[in-house]
Amino acid sequence: MMGVNKTEATMLVPGVRVRAATPDDMPVIRAMVRRERLDPTQLHWRHFCVAEDVQTGTCVACGQLRPFWRAQELGSLVVEPSWRGRGVGRAMVRHLAARATKPLFLECGASLVPFYAQCGFKPIAPWRVPFPLNIKFLLSSLVVRLLGGRLAIMALANGSSERE
């Protein structure tokens, strides 16, 4: 992406660097999130990291840490279809988790539980999520259930979420 100081970027996996998002990244982030039918609200560039192909500068993945009182949410994780299966998603989760400063939670479709479990998250009961993130998760779960789906709530299994 233009204007990005590449010294602030870190190699994520071979051929892919990760960096903090800029306002210029938002159109691509919004398009990726909408394409995957994720929650298009609360998309703020300051909370995002983007992964780029080092040869083309093309965004191949994005994800964010949404701040809440007493917790953070890992959200909006998207990997471009042509880059899936190369470890980019797992590396993005590790990168975002390393940046977390509060207990880290996420909500995901039930089919993604094994992926996030491999990344160090474990399913938890909704009542274990701190306020106000628990309200957000409850509302999301209700909407998804009305549409015939199921969400899982997970916490990073590093011990920090256990104290909440």
Protein backbone atom coordinates (compact mmCIF):
# COMPACT_ATOMS: atom_id res chain seq x y z
CA MET A 1 0.00 0.00 0.00
CA MET A 2 1.23 3.46 -0.76
CA GLY A 3 2.78 5.57 1.94
CA VAL A 4 3.40 2.71 4.34
CA ASN A 5 6.72 2.64 6.11
CA LYS A 6 7.83 -0.91 5.36
CA THR A 7 10.18 -0.87 8.37
CA GLU A 8 7.04 -1.02 10.50
CA ALA A 9 5.91 -4.19 8.73
CA THR A 10 6.81 -7.67 9.98
CA MET A 11 7.05 -10.90 8.01
CA LEU A 12 4.03 -13.02 8.87
CA VAL A 13 4.76 -16.11 6.77
CA PRO A 14 7.10 -16.41 3.77
CA GLY A 15 5.97 -13.91 1.16
CA VAL A 16 3.55 -12.08 3.46
CA ARG A 17 4.16 -9.09 5.73
CA VAL A 18 1.78 -7.72 8.35
CA ARG A 19 1.38 -4.11 9.38
CA ALA A 20 -1.03 -1.76 11.09
CA ALA A 21 -3.84 -0.63 8.81
CA THR A 22 -4.13 2.92 7.52
CA PRO A 23 -7.25 4.86 6.45
CA ASP A 24 -6.39 3.94 2.83
CA ASP A 25 -6.93 0.25 3.68
CA MET A 26 -10.57 0.66 4.70
CA PRO A 27 -12.19 0.12 1.27
CA VAL A 28 -10.38 -3.22 0.90
CA ILE A 29 -11.13 -4.23 4.51
CA ARG A 30 -14.83 -3.37 4.13
CA ALA A 31 -15.03 -5.33 0.87
CA MET A 32 -13.36 -8.40 2.43
CA VAL A 33 -15.63 -8.30 5.51
CA ARG A 34 -18.79 -7.91 3.42
CA ARG A 35 -17.79 -10.67 1.01
CA GLU A 36 -17.47 -13.09 3.93
CA ARG A 37 -20.76 -11.85 5.43
CA LEU A 38 -19.15 -10.84 8.70
CA ASP A 39 -20.41 -8.05 10.95
CA PRO A 40 -19.76 -4.87 8.93
CA THR A 41 -20.17 -2.61 11.98
CA GLN A 42 -17.34 -1.44 14.22
CA LEU A 43 -14.77 -1.41 11.42
CA HIS A 44 -12.19 1.17 12.52
CA TRP A 45 -8.83 1.22 10.75
CA ARG A 46 -6.93 1.90 13.97
CA HIS A 47 -7.93 -1.53 15.30
CA PHE A 48 -6.90 -3.48 12.18
CA CYS A 49 -3.78 -5.19 10.92
CA VAL A 50 -3.45 -6.14 7.28
CA ALA A 51 -1.29 -8.81 5.68
CA GLU A 52 0.20 -8.02 2.28
CA ASP A 53 1.78 -10.05 -0.49
CA VAL A 54 5.39 -8.76 -0.43
CA GLN A 55 5.67 -8.93 -4.21
CA THR A 56 2.48 -7.09 -5.16
CA GLY A 57 1.52 -5.16 -2.02
CA THR A 58 -1.97 -6.67 -2.33
CA CYS A 59 -3.92 -7.20 0.89
CA VAL A 60 -4.28 -10.95 1.45
CA ALA A 61 -5.74 -10.91 4.98
CA CYS A 62 -7.07 -8.61 7.67
CA GLY A 63 -8.17 -8.81 11.27
CA GLN A 64 -8.83 -6.51 14.19
CA LEU A 65 -8.74 -6.22 17.97
CA ARG A 66 -11.90 -4.44 19.06
CA PRO A 67 -11.46 -2.72 22.43
CA PHE A 68 -14.03 -3.18 25.15
CA TRP A 69 -13.95 -2.37 28.84
CA ARG A 70 -12.04 -5.23 30.56
CA ALA A 71 -11.66 -7.25 27.33
CA GLN A 72 -10.79 -7.26 23.65
CA GLU A 73 -12.44 -9.06 20.76
CA LEU A 74 -10.56 -10.65 17.90
CA GLY A 75 -12.80 -9.95 14.92
CA SER A 76 -13.15 -9.44 11.20
CA LEU A 77 -10.52 -12.07 10.39
CA VAL A 78 -10.56 -12.67 6.64
CA VAL A 79 -8.01 -14.41 4.43
CA GLU A 80 -8.36 -14.08 0.66
CA PRO A 81 -9.50 -17.43 -0.80
CA SER A 82 -6.37 -17.84 -2.95
CA TRP A 83 -4.20 -17.50 0.19
CA ARG A 84 -6.09 -19.97 2.40
CA GLY A 85 -4.31 -23.11 3.52
CA ARG A 86 -0.90 -21.41 3.65
CA GLY A 87 -0.85 -20.55 7.37
CA VAL A 88 -1.77 -16.89 6.91
CA GLY A 89 -4.92 -17.13 9.07
CA ARG A 90 -3.14 -18.84 11.96
CA ALA A 91 -0.27 -16.38 11.73
CA MET A 92 -2.72 -13.44 11.77
CA VAL A 93 -4.45 -14.86 14.86
CA ARG A 94 -1.07 -15.25 16.61
CA HIS A 95 -0.03 -11.73 15.59
CA LEU A 96 -3.27 -10.16 16.84
CA ALA A 97 -3.26 -12.22 20.05
CA ALA A 98 0.29 -11.05 20.79
CA ARG A 99 -0.92 -7.44 20.54
CA ALA A 100 -3.84 -7.95 22.95
CA THR A 101 -3.55 -6.05 26.22
CA LYS A 102 -6.68 -7.46 27.87
CA PRO A 103 -8.35 -10.88 27.98
CA LEU A 104 -9.12 -11.86 24.39
CA PHE A 105 -12.42 -13.30 23.18
CA LEU A 106 -14.04 -14.05 19.84
CA GLU A 107 -17.28 -15.30 18.38
CA CYS A 108 -17.29 -17.57 15.36
CA GLY A 109 -19.44 -19.98 13.45
CA ALA A 110 -19.49 -23.44 14.99
CA SER A 111 -17.55 -24.82 12.01
CA LEU A 112 -14.56 -22.57 12.87
CA VAL A 113 -14.13 -23.84 16.44
CA PRO A 114 -11.41 -26.39 15.44
CA PHE A 115 -9.41 -23.68 13.62
CA TYR A 116 -9.46 -21.30 16.60
CA ALA A 117 -8.78 -24.17 19.03
CA GLN A 118 -5.56 -24.87 17.08
CA CYS A 119 -4.72 -21.19 17.61
CA GLY A 120 -5.04 -21.47 21.40
CA PHE A 121 -8.69 -20.52 21.97
CA LYS A 122 -11.21 -22.61 23.84
CA PRO A 123 -15.02 -22.52 23.86
CA ILE A 124 -16.52 -20.89 26.93
CA ALA A 125 -19.97 -20.22 28.35
CA PRO A 126 -21.42 -16.81 27.45
CA TRP A 127 -21.71 -15.79 31.10
CA ARG A 128 -17.89 -15.90 31.38
CA VAL A 129 -17.49 -13.00 28.93
CA PRO A 130 -17.12 -9.57 30.59
CA PHE A 131 -19.66 -6.79 30.15
CA PRO A 132 -20.35 -5.18 27.63
CA LEU A 133 -18.85 -7.73 25.24
CA ASN A 134 -21.25 -10.34 26.60
CA ILE A 135 -24.20 -8.20 25.45
CA LYS A 136 -22.75 -7.94 21.93
CA PHE A 137 -22.20 -11.71 21.78
CA LEU A 138 -25.72 -12.40 23.09
CA LEU A 139 -27.30 -10.20 20.42
CA SER A 140 -25.16 -11.76 17.67
CA SER A 141 -26.05 -15.26 18.84
CA LEU A 142 -29.77 -14.47 18.81
CA VAL A 143 -29.65 -13.08 15.27
CA VAL A 144 -27.65 -16.04 13.98
CA ARG A 145 -30.00 -18.54 15.66
CA LEU A 146 -33.00 -16.82 14.06
CA LEU A 147 -31.27 -17.38 10.71
CA GLY A 148 -30.70 -21.06 11.51
CA GLY A 149 -27.03 -20.91 12.46
CA ARG A 150 -24.97 -21.35 15.60
CA LEU A 151 -22.18 -19.24 17.06
CA ALA A 152 -19.46 -20.29 19.45
CA ILE A 153 -17.85 -17.99 21.99
CA MET A 154 -14.18 -18.62 22.66
CA ALA A 155 -11.44 -17.20 24.88
CA LEU A 156 -7.70 -17.28 24.44
CA ALA A 157 -6.57 -20.08 26.72
CA ASN A 158 -3.64 -18.21 28.28
CA GLY A 159 -5.17 -17.89 31.71
CA SER A 160 -6.02 -14.18 31.49
CA SER A 161 -9.68 -14.81 30.63
CA GLU A 162 -9.95 -17.23 33.54
CA ARG A 163 -9.72 -14.37 36.04
CA GLU A 164 -12.76 -12.50 34.73
